[in-house]
Amino acid sequence: MEQDLKKELSQDPDGLLTYEYIANHIGTCDDIMDELIDNMILVDSTGQFVVSAARYLYAIDNEHHADAINRLISSAIEKDRERKYLPDLIQSIYGADYETRAAELSATDDNFRRMYKRIMPQQGI
């Protein structure tokens, strides 16, 4: 990552600047995507922008960005303690019918299982 960008993003207080950089440079920032995701995970204390980035990258090209999306989802599960953003994230990634497929998805996707347990703690899988 070039020094000017690194310096700018080091001033990112909550992840918004990094999210905006990804959104404005999608397709041209793939070579530094890991560093961008690292920065966002580091500075986003609530998970708001981590979730937004995961949803955005999933909508753009979920296969190409699978590793970044998985890292963002895993981080969101840890950061979103108040469960403000996880319900939208689970629906965006797994579809509106995720509840009916919970057992199937849990068996194959650890992030889904962890997120579902966080959102629906009273219901078993």
C-alpha atoms as a PDB file:
ATOM      1  CA  MET A   1       0.000   0.000   0.000  1.00  0.00           C
ATOM      2  CA  GLU A   2       1.439   3.365  -0.937  1.00  0.00           C
ATOM      3  CA  GLN A   3       2.575   5.577   1.931  1.00  0.00           C
ATOM      4  CA  ASP A   4       0.065   8.411   1.359  1.00  0.00           C
ATOM      5  CA  LEU A   5      -2.863   6.010   1.436  1.00  0.00           C
ATOM      6  CA  LYS A   6      -1.452   4.200   4.445  1.00  0.00           C
ATOM      7  CA  LYS A   7      -1.068   7.527   6.266  1.00  0.00           C
ATOM      8  CA  GLU A   8      -4.610   8.623   5.348  1.00  0.00           C
ATOM      9  CA  LEU A   9      -6.200   5.369   6.423  1.00  0.00           C
ATOM     10  CA  SER A  10      -4.212   5.282   9.658  1.00  0.00           C
ATOM     11  CA  GLN A  11      -6.304   8.317  10.634  1.00  0.00           C
ATOM     12  CA  ASP A  12      -9.560   6.401  10.046  1.00  0.00           C
ATOM     13  CA  PRO A  13     -11.378   6.608  13.394  1.00  0.00           C
ATOM     14  CA  ASP A  14     -14.104   4.034  12.762  1.00  0.00           C
ATOM     15  CA  GLY A  15     -13.720   2.293   9.389  1.00  0.00           C
ATOM     16  CA  LEU A  16     -15.752   4.668   7.248  1.00  0.00           C
ATOM     17  CA  LEU A  17     -12.738   6.045   5.355  1.00  0.00           C
ATOM     18  CA  THR A  18     -11.540   2.534   4.588  1.00  0.00           C
ATOM     19  CA  TYR A  19     -15.002   1.424   3.515  1.00  0.00           C
ATOM     20  CA  GLU A  20     -15.311   4.447   1.234  1.00  0.00           C
ATOM     21  CA  TYR A  21     -11.896   3.724  -0.253  1.00  0.00           C
ATOM     22  CA  ILE A  22     -12.922   0.153  -1.052  1.00  0.00           C
ATOM     23  CA  ALA A  23     -16.251   1.285  -2.527  1.00  0.00           C
ATOM     24  CA  ASN A  24     -14.661   4.009  -4.641  1.00  0.00           C
ATOM     25  CA  HIS A  25     -11.773   1.850  -5.863  1.00  0.00           C
ATOM     26  CA  ILE A  26     -13.397  -1.568  -6.261  1.00  0.00           C
ATOM     27  CA  GLY A  27     -11.669  -3.506  -9.001  1.00  0.00           C
ATOM     28  CA  THR A  28      -8.472  -1.491  -8.666  1.00  0.00           C
ATOM     29  CA  CYS A  29      -7.633  -2.188  -5.024  1.00  0.00           C
ATOM     30  CA  ASP A  30      -7.614  -6.000  -5.066  1.00  0.00           C
ATOM     31  CA  ASP A  31      -3.849  -6.095  -4.574  1.00  0.00           C
ATOM     32  CA  ILE A  32      -4.174  -4.249  -1.237  1.00  0.00           C
ATOM     33  CA  MET A  33      -7.545  -5.652  -0.145  1.00  0.00           C
ATOM     34  CA  ASP A  34      -6.004  -7.669   2.710  1.00  0.00           C
ATOM     35  CA  GLU A  35      -4.394  -4.538   4.122  1.00  0.00           C
ATOM     36  CA  LEU A  36      -7.633  -2.578   3.747  1.00  0.00           C
ATOM     37  CA  ILE A  37      -9.572  -5.297   5.546  1.00  0.00           C
ATOM     38  CA  ASP A  38      -6.907  -5.430   8.280  1.00  0.00           C
ATOM     39  CA  ASN A  39      -7.254  -1.694   8.792  1.00  0.00           C
ATOM     40  CA  MET A  40     -11.033  -1.798   8.903  1.00  0.00           C
ATOM     41  CA  ILE A  41     -11.045  -4.657  11.407  1.00  0.00           C
ATOM     42  CA  LEU A  42      -8.558  -2.754  13.545  1.00  0.00           C
ATOM     43  CA  VAL A  43     -10.450   0.537  13.731  1.00  0.00           C
ATOM     44  CA  ASP A  44     -14.153  -0.442  13.570  1.00  0.00           C
ATOM     45  CA  SER A  45     -15.098  -1.042  17.194  1.00  0.00           C
ATOM     46  CA  THR A  46     -18.832  -1.607  16.654  1.00  0.00           C
ATOM     47  CA  GLY A  47     -18.794  -3.675  13.464  1.00  0.00           C
ATOM     48  CA  GLN A  48     -20.893  -1.211  11.485  1.00  0.00           C
ATOM     49  CA  PHE A  49     -18.463  -0.710   8.610  1.00  0.00           C
ATOM     50  CA  VAL A  50     -17.121  -4.255   8.761  1.00  0.00           C
ATOM     51  CA  VAL A  51     -20.690  -5.445   8.103  1.00  0.00           C
ATOM     52  CA  SER A  52     -21.206  -2.861   5.360  1.00  0.00           C
ATOM     53  CA  ALA A  53     -17.994  -3.929   3.648  1.00  0.00           C
ATOM     54  CA  ALA A  54     -18.925  -7.623   3.846  1.00  0.00           C
ATOM     55  CA  ARG A  55     -22.347  -6.924   2.338  1.00  0.00           C
ATOM     56  CA  TYR A  56     -20.853  -4.720  -0.365  1.00  0.00           C
ATOM     57  CA  LEU A  57     -18.146  -7.180  -1.390  1.00  0.00           C
ATOM     58  CA  TYR A  58     -20.670 -10.016  -1.378  1.00  0.00           C
ATOM     59  CA  ALA A  59     -22.945  -8.050  -3.699  1.00  0.00           C
ATOM     60  CA  ILE A  60     -20.082  -7.126  -6.032  1.00  0.00           C
ATOM     61  CA  ASP A  61     -18.493 -10.594  -6.393  1.00  0.00           C
ATOM     62  CA  ASN A  62     -18.868 -13.024  -3.515  1.00  0.00           C
ATOM     63  CA  GLU A  63     -16.604 -15.664  -5.062  1.00  0.00           C
ATOM     64  CA  HIS A  64     -13.730 -13.333  -5.881  1.00  0.00           C
ATOM     65  CA  HIS A  65     -13.862 -11.669  -2.459  1.00  0.00           C
ATOM     66  CA  ALA A  66     -14.685 -14.825  -0.454  1.00  0.00           C
ATOM     67  CA  ASP A  67     -11.628 -14.629   1.819  1.00  0.00           C
ATOM     68  CA  ALA A  68     -12.169 -10.948   2.626  1.00  0.00           C
ATOM     69  CA  ILE A  69     -15.884 -11.528   3.215  1.00  0.00           C
ATOM     70  CA  ASN A  70     -15.183 -14.423   5.579  1.00  0.00           C
ATOM     71  CA  ARG A  71     -12.708 -12.330   7.567  1.00  0.00           C
ATOM     72  CA  LEU A  72     -15.163  -9.425   7.749  1.00  0.00           C
ATOM     73  CA  ILE A  73     -18.031 -11.674   8.865  1.00  0.00           C
ATOM     74  CA  SER A  74     -15.888 -13.296  11.525  1.00  0.00           C
ATOM     75  CA  SER A  75     -14.875  -9.872  12.810  1.00  0.00           C
ATOM     76  CA  ALA A  76     -18.471  -8.606  12.729  1.00  0.00           C
ATOM     77  CA  ILE A  77     -19.588 -11.492  14.924  1.00  0.00           C
ATOM     78  CA  GLU A  78     -17.037 -10.441  17.538  1.00  0.00           C
ATOM     79  CA  LYS A  79     -17.610  -6.702  17.295  1.00  0.00           C
ATOM     80  CA  ASP A  80     -21.410  -6.409  17.050  1.00  0.00           C
ATOM     81  CA  ARG A  81     -22.154  -7.226  20.681  1.00  0.00           C
ATOM     82  CA  GLU A  82     -25.479  -5.377  20.602  1.00  0.00           C
ATOM     83  CA  ARG A  83     -26.594  -7.308  17.501  1.00  0.00           C
ATOM     84  CA  LYS A  84     -27.434  -4.117  15.603  1.00  0.00           C
ATOM     85  CA  TYR A  85     -25.892  -5.146  12.296  1.00  0.00           C
ATOM     86  CA  LEU A  86     -25.799  -8.953  12.309  1.00  0.00           C
ATOM     87  CA  PRO A  87     -29.474  -9.488  11.365  1.00  0.00           C
ATOM     88  CA  ASP A  88     -29.024  -7.548   8.119  1.00  0.00           C
ATOM     89  CA  LEU A  89     -25.713  -9.263   7.446  1.00  0.00           C
ATOM     90  CA  ILE A  90     -27.049 -12.798   7.866  1.00  0.00           C
ATOM     91  CA  GLN A  91     -29.965 -12.051   5.569  1.00  0.00           C
ATOM     92  CA  SER A  92     -27.747 -10.409   2.933  1.00  0.00           C
ATOM     93  CA  ILE A  93     -25.286 -13.281   2.830  1.00  0.00           C
ATOM     94  CA  TYR A  94     -27.521 -16.310   3.378  1.00  0.00           C
ATOM     95  CA  GLY A  95     -30.881 -15.098   2.067  1.00  0.00           C
ATOM     96  CA  ALA A  96     -34.220 -14.260   3.651  1.00  0.00           C
ATOM     97  CA  ASP A  97     -34.927 -17.966   4.200  1.00  0.00           C
ATOM     98  CA  TYR A  98     -31.815 -18.573   6.323  1.00  0.00           C
ATOM     99  CA  GLU A  99     -33.902 -19.651   9.334  1.00  0.00           C
ATOM    100  CA  THR A 100     -35.474 -22.539   7.443  1.00  0.00           C
ATOM    101  CA  ARG A 101     -32.011 -23.700   6.345  1.00  0.00           C
ATOM    102  CA  ALA A 102     -30.252 -23.094   9.679  1.00  0.00           C
ATOM    103  CA  ALA A 103     -29.284 -26.718  10.323  1.00  0.00           C
ATOM    104  CA  GLU A 104     -27.928 -27.185   6.791  1.00  0.00           C
ATOM    105  CA  LEU A 105     -25.988 -23.911   6.817  1.00  0.00           C
ATOM    106  CA  SER A 106     -24.616 -24.517  10.313  1.00  0.00           C
ATOM    107  CA  ALA A 107     -23.201 -27.858   9.259  1.00  0.00           C
ATOM    108  CA  THR A 108     -21.158 -26.316   6.453  1.00  0.00           C
ATOM    109  CA  ASP A 109     -20.414 -22.730   7.507  1.00  0.00           C
ATOM    110  CA  ASP A 110     -18.876 -21.851  10.861  1.00  0.00           C
ATOM    111  CA  ASN A 111     -19.535 -18.127  10.419  1.00  0.00           C
ATOM    112  CA  PHE A 112     -23.222 -18.834   9.838  1.00  0.00           C
ATOM    113  CA  ARG A 113     -23.389 -21.063  12.915  1.00  0.00           C
ATOM    114  CA  ARG A 114     -21.713 -18.441  15.114  1.00  0.00           C
ATOM    115  CA  MET A 115     -23.846 -15.599  13.746  1.00  0.00           C
ATOM    116  CA  TYR A 116     -27.086 -17.573  14.076  1.00  0.00           C
ATOM    117  CA  LYS A 117     -26.285 -18.440  17.691  1.00  0.00           C
ATOM    118  CA  ARG A 118     -25.576 -14.767  18.393  1.00  0.00           C
ATOM    119  CA  ILE A 119     -28.831 -13.591  16.785  1.00  0.00           C
ATOM    120  CA  MET A 120     -31.049 -16.438  18.005  1.00  0.00           C
ATOM    121  CA  PRO A 121     -29.504 -17.557  21.321  1.00  0.00           C
ATOM    122  CA  GLN A 122     -32.793 -18.985  22.609  1.00  0.00           C
ATOM    123  CA  GLN A 123     -33.188 -21.277  19.609  1.00  0.00           C
ATOM    124  CA  GLY A 124     -30.946 -24.239  19.085  1.00  0.00           C
ATOM    125  CA  ILE A 125     -29.655 -25.307  15.754  1.00  0.00           C
END
